[in-house]
Amino acid sequence: MQMWLPAPPRLREVTDELLDYIRVTAPVVEAAARARPGDCLDRRAALAAVEEARQRAEAGPGNGYASAISFARSLGKAAGDLLHQQRRLQREEDAR
């Protein structure tokens, strides 16, 4: 299977979009999670996703294109996890 990788300018664009998403979404998810009781499993999962996303964002890419690809993939996973937790918390809030 042939795999196409983005050109460096597009990779930078995608990486910047993911970083922006994490910067905006992490505090929202964190606030929603902190509003839950301390023993709530969903609270713990959401806060863990926030911490993981922030750590990945702060790590930054290494040197070279392969490292930039790995960094973008890592950010994509973190952003996906944040989105999942945000939706999960919102569904629970809507159910109340």
PDB file of N, CA and C in Angstrom:
ATOM      1  N   MET A   1       0.844  -1.181   0.000  1.00  0.00           N
ATOM      2  CA  MET A   1       0.000   0.000   0.000  1.00  0.00           C
ATOM      3  C   MET A   1       0.886   1.240   0.000  1.00  0.00           C
ATOM      4  N   GLN A   2       0.608   2.109  -0.919  1.00  0.00           N
ATOM      5  CA  GLN A   2       1.387   3.330  -1.017  1.00  0.00           C
ATOM      6  C   GLN A   2       0.806   4.389  -0.094  1.00  0.00           C
ATOM      7  N   MET A   3       1.686   5.093   0.599  1.00  0.00           N
ATOM      8  CA  MET A   3       1.248   6.103   1.554  1.00  0.00           C
ATOM      9  C   MET A   3       1.797   7.459   1.133  1.00  0.00           C
ATOM     10  N   TRP A   4       0.939   8.455   1.117  1.00  0.00           N
ATOM     11  CA  TRP A   4       1.348   9.805   0.748  1.00  0.00           C
ATOM     12  C   TRP A   4       1.519  10.641   2.006  1.00  0.00           C
ATOM     13  N   LEU A   5       2.623  11.318   2.084  1.00  0.00           N
ATOM     14  CA  LEU A   5       2.897  12.181   3.230  1.00  0.00           C
ATOM     15  C   LEU A   5       2.759  13.637   2.797  1.00  0.00           C
ATOM     16  N   PRO A   6       2.347  14.502   3.697  1.00  0.00           N
ATOM     17  CA  PRO A   6       2.153  15.905   3.332  1.00  0.00           C
ATOM     18  C   PRO A   6       3.479  16.617   3.087  1.00  0.00           C
ATOM     19  N   ALA A   7       3.416  17.621   2.237  1.00  0.00           N
ATOM     20  CA  ALA A   7       4.577  18.481   2.000  1.00  0.00           C
ATOM     21  C   ALA A   7       4.878  19.231   3.297  1.00  0.00           C
ATOM     22  N   PRO A   8       6.128  19.608   3.514  1.00  0.00           N
ATOM     23  CA  PRO A   8       6.484  20.311   4.760  1.00  0.00           C
ATOM     24  C   PRO A   8       5.609  21.526   5.088  1.00  0.00           C
ATOM     25  N   PRO A   9       5.259  22.383   4.113  1.00  0.00           N
ATOM     26  CA  PRO A   9       4.384  23.511   4.492  1.00  0.00           C
ATOM     27  C   PRO A   9       3.007  23.048   4.987  1.00  0.00           C
ATOM     28  N   ARG A  10       2.451  22.032   4.364  1.00  0.00           N
ATOM     29  CA  ARG A  10       1.153  21.509   4.793  1.00  0.00           C
ATOM     30  C   ARG A  10       1.271  20.854   6.164  1.00  0.00           C
ATOM     31  N   LEU A  11       2.382  20.161   6.408  1.00  0.00           N
ATOM     32  CA  LEU A  11       2.611  19.526   7.702  1.00  0.00           C
ATOM     33  C   LEU A  11       2.667  20.581   8.803  1.00  0.00           C
ATOM     34  N   ARG A  12       3.341  21.693   8.547  1.00  0.00           N
ATOM     35  CA  ARG A  12       3.394  22.778   9.524  1.00  0.00           C
ATOM     36  C   ARG A  12       2.000  23.341   9.790  1.00  0.00           C
ATOM     37  N   GLU A  13       1.226  23.486   8.736  1.00  0.00           N
ATOM     38  CA  GLU A  13      -0.137  24.004   8.857  1.00  0.00           C
ATOM     39  C   GLU A  13      -1.004  23.086   9.724  1.00  0.00           C
ATOM     40  N   VAL A  14      -0.941  21.802   9.444  1.00  0.00           N
ATOM     41  CA  VAL A  14      -1.719  20.825  10.208  1.00  0.00           C
ATOM     42  C   VAL A  14      -1.263  20.804  11.674  1.00  0.00           C
ATOM     43  N   THR A  15       0.038  20.823  11.876  1.00  0.00           N
ATOM     44  CA  THR A  15       0.581  20.819  13.232  1.00  0.00           C
ATOM     45  C   THR A  15       0.110  22.049  14.004  1.00  0.00           C
ATOM     46  N   ASP A  16       0.145  23.209  13.360  1.00  0.00           N
ATOM     47  CA  ASP A  16      -0.321  24.435  14.019  1.00  0.00           C
ATOM     48  C   ASP A  16      -1.802  24.352  14.367  1.00  0.00           C
ATOM     49  N   GLU A  17      -2.603  23.782  13.472  1.00  0.00           N
ATOM     50  CA  GLU A  17      -4.036  23.629  13.740  1.00  0.00           C
ATOM     51  C   GLU A  17      -4.274  22.692  14.927  1.00  0.00           C
ATOM     52  N   LEU A  18      -3.522  21.613  14.987  1.00  0.00           N
ATOM     53  CA  LEU A  18      -3.661  20.683  16.108  1.00  0.00           C
ATOM     54  C   LEU A  18      -3.232  21.329  17.422  1.00  0.00           C
ATOM     55  N   LEU A  19      -2.131  22.058  17.393  1.00  0.00           N
ATOM     56  CA  LEU A  19      -1.682  22.762  18.604  1.00  0.00           C
ATOM     57  C   LEU A  19      -2.726  23.772  19.069  1.00  0.00           C
ATOM     58  N   ASP A  20      -3.308  24.513  18.126  1.00  0.00           N
ATOM     59  CA  ASP A  20      -4.359  25.476  18.477  1.00  0.00           C
ATOM     60  C   ASP A  20      -5.559  24.765  19.081  1.00  0.00           C
ATOM     61  N   TYR A  21      -5.957  23.652  18.491  1.00  0.00           N
ATOM     62  CA  TYR A  21      -7.095  22.902  19.009  1.00  0.00           C
ATOM     63  C   TYR A  21      -6.828  22.454  20.444  1.00  0.00           C
ATOM     64  N   ILE A  22      -5.641  21.942  20.694  1.00  0.00           N
ATOM     65  CA  ILE A  22      -5.293  21.481  22.047  1.00  0.00           C
ATOM     66  C   ILE A  22      -5.278  22.653  23.020  1.00  0.00           C
ATOM     67  N   ARG A  23      -4.717  23.780  22.627  1.00  0.00           N
ATOM     68  CA  ARG A  23      -4.667  24.960  23.505  1.00  0.00           C
ATOM     69  C   ARG A  23      -6.064  25.454  23.879  1.00  0.00           C
ATOM     70  N   VAL A  24      -6.994  25.381  22.942  1.00  0.00           N
ATOM     71  CA  VAL A  24      -8.353  25.855  23.187  1.00  0.00           C
ATOM     72  C   VAL A  24      -9.184  24.811  23.935  1.00  0.00           C
ATOM     73  N   THR A  25      -9.063  23.562  23.542  1.00  0.00           N
ATOM     74  CA  THR A  25      -9.940  22.515  24.063  1.00  0.00           C
ATOM     75  C   THR A  25      -9.518  21.997  25.432  1.00  0.00           C
ATOM     76  N   ALA A  26      -8.233  21.915  25.698  1.00  0.00           N
ATOM     77  CA  ALA A  26      -7.768  21.366  26.977  1.00  0.00           C
ATOM     78  C   ALA A  26      -8.375  22.103  28.177  1.00  0.00           C
ATOM     79  N   PRO A  27      -8.382  23.432  28.208  1.00  0.00           N
ATOM     80  CA  PRO A  27      -8.988  24.108  29.368  1.00  0.00           C
ATOM     81  C   PRO A  27     -10.498  23.873  29.483  1.00  0.00           C
ATOM     82  N   VAL A  28     -11.173  23.724  28.356  1.00  0.00           N
ATOM     83  CA  VAL A  28     -12.618  23.477  28.368  1.00  0.00           C
ATOM     84  C   VAL A  28     -12.908  22.105  28.965  1.00  0.00           C
ATOM     85  N   VAL A  29     -12.165  21.108  28.514  1.00  0.00           N
ATOM     86  CA  VAL A  29     -12.346  19.748  29.022  1.00  0.00           C
ATOM     87  C   VAL A  29     -11.952  19.691  30.493  1.00  0.00           C
ATOM     88  N   GLU A  30     -10.876  20.366  30.840  1.00  0.00           N
ATOM     89  CA  GLU A  30     -10.429  20.376  32.230  1.00  0.00           C
ATOM     90  C   GLU A  30     -11.490  20.986  33.145  1.00  0.00           C
ATOM     91  N   ALA A  31     -12.065  22.091  32.736  1.00  0.00           N
ATOM     92  CA  ALA A  31     -13.094  22.743  33.561  1.00  0.00           C
ATOM     93  C   ALA A  31     -14.320  21.846  33.713  1.00  0.00           C
ATOM     94  N   ALA A  32     -14.732  21.216  32.630  1.00  0.00           N
ATOM     95  CA  ALA A  32     -15.895  20.319  32.701  1.00  0.00           C
ATOM     96  C   ALA A  32     -15.604  19.122  33.600  1.00  0.00           C
ATOM     97  N   ALA A  33     -14.391  18.610  33.527  1.00  0.00           N
ATOM     98  CA  ALA A  33     -14.020  17.460  34.353  1.00  0.00           C
ATOM     99  C   ALA A  33     -13.941  17.846  35.823  1.00  0.00           C
ATOM    100  N   ARG A  34     -13.382  18.995  36.110  1.00  0.00           N
ATOM    101  CA  ARG A  34     -13.244  19.427  37.507  1.00  0.00           C
ATOM    102  C   ARG A  34     -14.596  19.711  38.166  1.00  0.00           C
ATOM    103  N   ALA A  35     -15.618  19.921  37.367  1.00  0.00           N
ATOM    104  CA  ALA A  35     -16.960  20.137  37.903  1.00  0.00           C
ATOM    105  C   ALA A  35     -17.600  18.834  38.375  1.00  0.00           C
ATOM    106  N   ARG A  36     -16.979  17.712  38.054  1.00  0.00           N
ATOM    107  CA  ARG A  36     -17.482  16.395  38.474  1.00  0.00           C
ATOM    108  C   ARG A  36     -16.963  16.047  39.855  1.00  0.00           C
ATOM    109  N   PRO A  37     -17.625  15.106  40.527  1.00  0.00           N
ATOM    110  CA  PRO A  37     -17.134  14.663  41.838  1.00  0.00           C
ATOM    111  C   PRO A  37     -15.728  14.061  41.719  1.00  0.00           C
ATOM    112  N   GLY A  38     -14.977  14.161  42.782  1.00  0.00           N
ATOM    113  CA  GLY A  38     -13.594  13.686  42.783  1.00  0.00           C
ATOM    114  C   GLY A  38     -13.419  12.210  42.499  1.00  0.00           C
ATOM    115  N   ASP A  39     -14.410  11.402  42.824  1.00  0.00           N
ATOM    116  CA  ASP A  39     -14.288   9.964  42.612  1.00  0.00           C
ATOM    117  C   ASP A  39     -14.868   9.505  41.267  1.00  0.00           C
ATOM    118  N   CYS A  40     -15.261  10.432  40.432  1.00  0.00           N
ATOM    119  CA  CYS A  40     -15.862  10.123  39.132  1.00  0.00           C
ATOM    120  C   CYS A  40     -14.787   9.612  38.167  1.00  0.00           C
ATOM    121  N   LEU A  41     -15.010   8.442  37.612  1.00  0.00           N
ATOM    122  CA  LEU A  41     -14.049   7.853  36.670  1.00  0.00           C
ATOM    123  C   LEU A  41     -13.920   8.685  35.404  1.00  0.00           C
ATOM    124  N   ASP A  42     -15.020   9.255  34.952  1.00  0.00           N
ATOM    125  CA  ASP A  42     -14.969  10.093  33.753  1.00  0.00           C
ATOM    126  C   ASP A  42     -14.127  11.341  33.995  1.00  0.00           C
ATOM    127  N   ARG A  43     -14.195  11.855  35.209  1.00  0.00           N
ATOM    128  CA  ARG A  43     -13.371  13.012  35.572  1.00  0.00           C
ATOM    129  C   ARG A  43     -11.888  12.655  35.446  1.00  0.00           C
ATOM    130  N   ARG A  44     -11.530  11.524  36.016  1.00  0.00           N
ATOM    131  CA  ARG A  44     -10.127  11.093  35.969  1.00  0.00           C
ATOM    132  C   ARG A  44      -9.648  10.872  34.538  1.00  0.00           C
ATOM    133  N   ALA A  45     -10.486  10.234  33.731  1.00  0.00           N
ATOM    134  CA  ALA A  45     -10.114   9.966  32.335  1.00  0.00           C
ATOM    135  C   ALA A  45      -9.944  11.272  31.555  1.00  0.00           C
ATOM    136  N   ALA A  46     -10.835  12.211  31.780  1.00  0.00           N
ATOM    137  CA  ALA A  46     -10.760  13.487  31.073  1.00  0.00           C
ATOM    138  C   ALA A  46      -9.519  14.277  31.492  1.00  0.00           C
ATOM    139  N   LEU A  47      -9.250  14.303  32.789  1.00  0.00           N
ATOM    140  CA  LEU A  47      -8.064  15.036  33.265  1.00  0.00           C
ATOM    141  C   LEU A  47      -6.778  14.381  32.763  1.00  0.00           C
ATOM    142  N   ALA A  48      -6.770  13.071  32.666  1.00  0.00           N
ATOM    143  CA  ALA A  48      -5.599  12.373  32.120  1.00  0.00           C
ATOM    144  C   ALA A  48      -5.403  12.729  30.650  1.00  0.00           C
ATOM    145  N   ALA A  49      -6.493  12.826  29.900  1.00  0.00           N
ATOM    146  CA  ALA A  49      -6.395  13.195  28.482  1.00  0.00           C
ATOM    147  C   ALA A  49      -5.870  14.621  28.333  1.00  0.00           C
ATOM    148  N   VAL A  50      -6.310  15.504  29.208  1.00  0.00           N
ATOM    149  CA  VAL A  50      -5.833  16.893  29.182  1.00  0.00           C
ATOM    150  C   VAL A  50      -4.334  16.940  29.460  1.00  0.00           C
ATOM    151  N   GLU A  51      -3.915  16.238  30.500  1.00  0.00           N
ATOM    152  CA  GLU A  51      -2.490  16.224  30.848  1.00  0.00           C
ATOM    153  C   GLU A  51      -1.649  15.646  29.704  1.00  0.00           C
ATOM    154  N   GLU A  52      -2.117  14.558  29.138  1.00  0.00           N
ATOM    155  CA  GLU A  52      -1.394  13.923  28.030  1.00  0.00           C
ATOM    156  C   GLU A  52      -1.289  14.869  26.833  1.00  0.00           C
ATOM    157  N   ALA A  53      -2.379  15.532  26.498  1.00  0.00           N
ATOM    158  CA  ALA A  53      -2.378  16.458  25.359  1.00  0.00           C
ATOM    159  C   ALA A  53      -1.403  17.607  25.594  1.00  0.00           C
ATOM    160  N   ARG A  54      -1.405  18.141  26.786  1.00  0.00           N
ATOM    161  CA  ARG A  54      -0.488  19.251  27.090  1.00  0.00           C
ATOM    162  C   ARG A  54       0.971  18.805  27.032  1.00  0.00           C
ATOM    163  N   GLN A  55       1.244  17.617  27.531  1.00  0.00           N
ATOM    164  CA  GLN A  55       2.615  17.105  27.486  1.00  0.00           C
ATOM    165  C   GLN A  55       3.071  16.896  26.046  1.00  0.00           C
ATOM    166  N   ARG A  56       2.200  16.327  25.242  1.00  0.00           N
ATOM    167  CA  ARG A  56       2.559  16.102  23.835  1.00  0.00           C
ATOM    168  C   ARG A  56       2.791  17.421  23.111  1.00  0.00           C
ATOM    169  N   ALA A  57       1.937  18.409  23.387  1.00  0.00           N
ATOM    170  CA  ALA A  57       2.077  19.710  22.742  1.00  0.00           C
ATOM    171  C   ALA A  57       3.373  20.398  23.158  1.00  0.00           C
ATOM    172  N   GLU A  58       3.729  20.267  24.430  1.00  0.00           N
ATOM    173  CA  GLU A  58       4.942  20.916  24.932  1.00  0.00           C
ATOM    174  C   GLU A  58       6.213  20.230  24.438  1.00  0.00           C
ATOM    175  N   ALA A  59       6.119  18.951  24.112  1.00  0.00           N
ATOM    176  CA  ALA A  59       7.312  18.195  23.691  1.00  0.00           C
ATOM    177  C   ALA A  59       7.913  18.774  22.425  1.00  0.00           C
ATOM    178  N   GLY A  60       7.074  19.195  21.509  1.00  0.00           N
ATOM    179  CA  GLY A  60       7.558  19.757  20.251  1.00  0.00           C
ATOM    180  C   GLY A  60       8.196  18.702  19.375  1.00  0.00           C
ATOM    181  N   PRO A  61       8.402  19.050  18.120  1.00  0.00           N
ATOM    182  CA  PRO A  61       9.028  18.102  17.194  1.00  0.00           C
ATOM    183  C   PRO A  61      10.541  18.060  17.403  1.00  0.00           C
ATOM    184  N   GLY A  62      11.123  17.010  16.982  1.00  0.00           N
ATOM    185  CA  GLY A  62      12.585  16.917  17.003  1.00  0.00           C
ATOM    186  C   GLY A  62      13.126  17.530  15.719  1.00  0.00           C
ATOM    187  N   ASN A  63      14.245  17.039  15.282  1.00  0.00           N
ATOM    188  CA  ASN A  63      14.847  17.530  14.044  1.00  0.00           C
ATOM    189  C   ASN A  63      14.450  16.639  12.883  1.00  0.00           C
ATOM    190  N   GLY A  64      14.082  17.251  11.792  1.00  0.00           N
ATOM    191  CA  GLY A  64      13.827  16.500  10.579  1.00  0.00           C
ATOM    192  C   GLY A  64      12.355  16.227  10.308  1.00  0.00           C
ATOM    193  N   TYR A  65      12.126  15.807   9.075  1.00  0.00           N
ATOM    194  CA  TYR A  65      10.772  15.571   8.588  1.00  0.00           C
ATOM    195  C   TYR A  65      10.108  14.393   9.287  1.00  0.00           C
ATOM    196  N   ALA A  66      10.827  13.307   9.480  1.00  0.00           N
ATOM    197  CA  ALA A  66      10.244  12.122  10.123  1.00  0.00           C
ATOM    198  C   ALA A  66       9.786  12.464  11.539  1.00  0.00           C
ATOM    199  N   SER A  67      10.552  13.251  12.243  1.00  0.00           N
ATOM    200  CA  SER A  67      10.180  13.663  13.592  1.00  0.00           C
ATOM    201  C   SER A  67       8.952  14.571  13.556  1.00  0.00           C
ATOM    202  N   ALA A  68       8.874  15.433  12.562  1.00  0.00           N
ATOM    203  CA  ALA A  68       7.718  16.320  12.430  1.00  0.00           C
ATOM    204  C   ALA A  68       6.449  15.517  12.151  1.00  0.00           C
ATOM    205  N   ILE A  69       6.572  14.470  11.349  1.00  0.00           N
ATOM    206  CA  ILE A  69       5.433  13.586  11.073  1.00  0.00           C
ATOM    207  C   ILE A  69       5.001  12.899  12.375  1.00  0.00           C
ATOM    208  N   SER A  70       5.961  12.375  13.126  1.00  0.00           N
ATOM    209  CA  SER A  70       5.648  11.704  14.393  1.00  0.00           C
ATOM    210  C   SER A  70       4.982  12.658  15.376  1.00  0.00           C
ATOM    211  N   PHE A  71       5.470  13.882  15.428  1.00  0.00           N
ATOM    212  CA  PHE A  71       4.900  14.891  16.318  1.00  0.00           C
ATOM    213  C   PHE A  71       3.451  15.188  15.929  1.00  0.00           C
ATOM    214  N   ALA A  72       3.208  15.384  14.637  1.00  0.00           N
ATOM    215  CA  ALA A  72       1.848  15.665  14.168  1.00  0.00           C
ATOM    216  C   ALA A  72       0.916  14.495  14.475  1.00  0.00           C
ATOM    217  N   ARG A  73       1.383  13.287  14.279  1.00  0.00           N
ATOM    218  CA  ARG A  73       0.560  12.113  14.599  1.00  0.00           C
ATOM    219  C   ARG A  73       0.248  12.070  16.101  1.00  0.00           C
ATOM    220  N   SER A  74       1.246  12.372  16.902  1.00  0.00           N
ATOM    221  CA  SER A  74       1.062  12.389  18.349  1.00  0.00           C
ATOM    222  C   SER A  74       0.024  13.434  18.752  1.00  0.00           C
ATOM    223  N   LEU A  75       0.105  14.605  18.134  1.00  0.00           N
ATOM    224  CA  LEU A  75      -0.870  15.654  18.415  1.00  0.00           C
ATOM    225  C   LEU A  75      -2.262  15.243  17.950  1.00  0.00           C
ATOM    226  N   GLY A  76      -2.330  14.572  16.816  1.00  0.00           N
ATOM    227  CA  GLY A  76      -3.613  14.102  16.314  1.00  0.00           C
ATOM    228  C   GLY A  76      -4.267  13.135  17.281  1.00  0.00           C
ATOM    229  N   LYS A  77      -3.473  12.237  17.833  1.00  0.00           N
ATOM    230  CA  LYS A  77      -4.013  11.291  18.820  1.00  0.00           C
ATOM    231  C   LYS A  77      -4.495  12.037  20.063  1.00  0.00           C
ATOM    232  N   ALA A  78      -3.699  12.969  20.543  1.00  0.00           N
ATOM    233  CA  ALA A  78      -4.074  13.734  21.730  1.00  0.00           C
ATOM    234  C   ALA A  78      -5.344  14.549  21.471  1.00  0.00           C
ATOM    235  N   ALA A  79      -5.440  15.163  20.308  1.00  0.00           N
ATOM    236  CA  ALA A  79      -6.623  15.946  19.965  1.00  0.00           C
ATOM    237  C   ALA A  79      -7.855  15.040  19.879  1.00  0.00           C
ATOM    238  N   GLY A  80      -7.685  13.863  19.302  1.00  0.00           N
ATOM    239  CA  GLY A  80      -8.787  12.913  19.226  1.00  0.00           C
ATOM    240  C   GLY A  80      -9.259  12.468  20.598  1.00  0.00           C
ATOM    241  N   ASP A  81      -8.313  12.234  21.488  1.00  0.00           N
ATOM    242  CA  ASP A  81      -8.660  11.845  22.859  1.00  0.00           C
ATOM    243  C   ASP A  81      -9.407  12.967  23.581  1.00  0.00           C
ATOM    244  N   LEU A  82      -8.946  14.201  23.382  1.00  0.00           N
ATOM    245  CA  LEU A  82      -9.641  15.341  23.993  1.00  0.00           C
ATOM    246  C   LEU A  82     -11.065  15.458  23.465  1.00  0.00           C
ATOM    247  N   LEU A  83     -11.223  15.311  22.174  1.00  0.00           N
ATOM    248  CA  LEU A  83     -12.554  15.388  21.572  1.00  0.00           C
ATOM    249  C   LEU A  83     -13.465  14.308  22.148  1.00  0.00           C
ATOM    250  N   HIS A  84     -12.940  13.108  22.263  1.00  0.00           N
ATOM    251  CA  HIS A  84     -13.712  12.001  22.832  1.00  0.00           C
ATOM    252  C   HIS A  84     -14.163  12.325  24.256  1.00  0.00           C
ATOM    253  N   GLN A  85     -13.243  12.813  25.066  1.00  0.00           N
ATOM    254  CA  GLN A  85     -13.577  13.137  26.460  1.00  0.00           C
ATOM    255  C   GLN A  85     -14.570  14.295  26.531  1.00  0.00           C
ATOM    256  N   GLN A  86     -14.395  15.281  25.673  1.00  0.00           N
ATOM    257  CA  GLN A  86     -15.308  16.422  25.664  1.00  0.00           C
ATOM    258  C   GLN A  86     -16.725  15.957  25.320  1.00  0.00           C
ATOM    259  N   ARG A  87     -16.845  15.121  24.322  1.00  0.00           N
ATOM    260  CA  ARG A  87     -18.165  14.608  23.934  1.00  0.00           C
ATOM    261  C   ARG A  87     -18.766  13.744  25.038  1.00  0.00           C
ATOM    262  N   ARG A  88     -17.932  12.954  25.658  1.00  0.00           N
ATOM    263  CA  ARG A  88     -18.395  12.074  26.736  1.00  0.00           C
ATOM    264  C   ARG A  88     -18.941  12.896  27.904  1.00  0.00           C
ATOM    265  N   LEU A  89     -18.201  13.913  28.296  1.00  0.00           N
ATOM    266  CA  LEU A  89     -18.650  14.773  29.384  1.00  0.00           C
ATOM    267  C   LEU A  89     -19.925  15.517  29.004  1.00  0.00           C
ATOM    268  N   GLN A  90     -20.003  15.955  27.763  1.00  0.00           N
ATOM    269  CA  GLN A  90     -21.188  16.699  27.304  1.00  0.00           C
ATOM    270  C   GLN A  90     -22.419  15.796  27.289  1.00  0.00           C
ATOM    271  N   ARG A  91     -22.264  14.555  26.832  1.00  0.00           N
ATOM    272  CA  ARG A  91     -23.396  13.616  26.829  1.00  0.00           C
ATOM    273  C   ARG A  91     -23.918  13.408  28.247  1.00  0.00           C
ATOM    274  N   GLU A  92     -23.015  13.254  29.183  1.00  0.00           N
ATOM    275  CA  GLU A  92     -23.428  13.061  30.585  1.00  0.00           C
ATOM    276  C   GLU A  92     -24.135  14.303  31.112  1.00  0.00           C
ATOM    277  N   GLU A  93     -23.625  15.459  30.736  1.00  0.00           N
ATOM    278  CA  GLU A  93     -24.245  16.712  31.184  1.00  0.00           C
ATOM    279  C   GLU A  93     -25.645  16.847  30.580  1.00  0.00           C
ATOM    280  N   ASP A  94     -25.787  16.499  29.317  1.00  0.00           N
ATOM    281  CA  ASP A  94     -27.077  16.587  28.652  1.00  0.00           C
ATOM    282  C   ASP A  94     -28.085  15.600  29.250  1.00  0.00           C
ATOM    283  N   ALA A  95     -27.595  14.473  29.741  1.00  0.00           N
ATOM    284  CA  ALA A  95     -28.468  13.450  30.309  1.00  0.00           C
ATOM    285  C   ALA A  95     -29.027  13.853  31.679  1.00  0.00           C
ATOM    286  N   ARG A  96     -28.404  14.810  32.307  1.00  0.00           N
ATOM    287  CA  ARG A  96     -28.841  15.235  33.660  1.00  0.00           C
ATOM    288  C   ARG A  96     -30.079  16.053  33.622  1.00  0.00           C
TER     289      ARG A  96
END
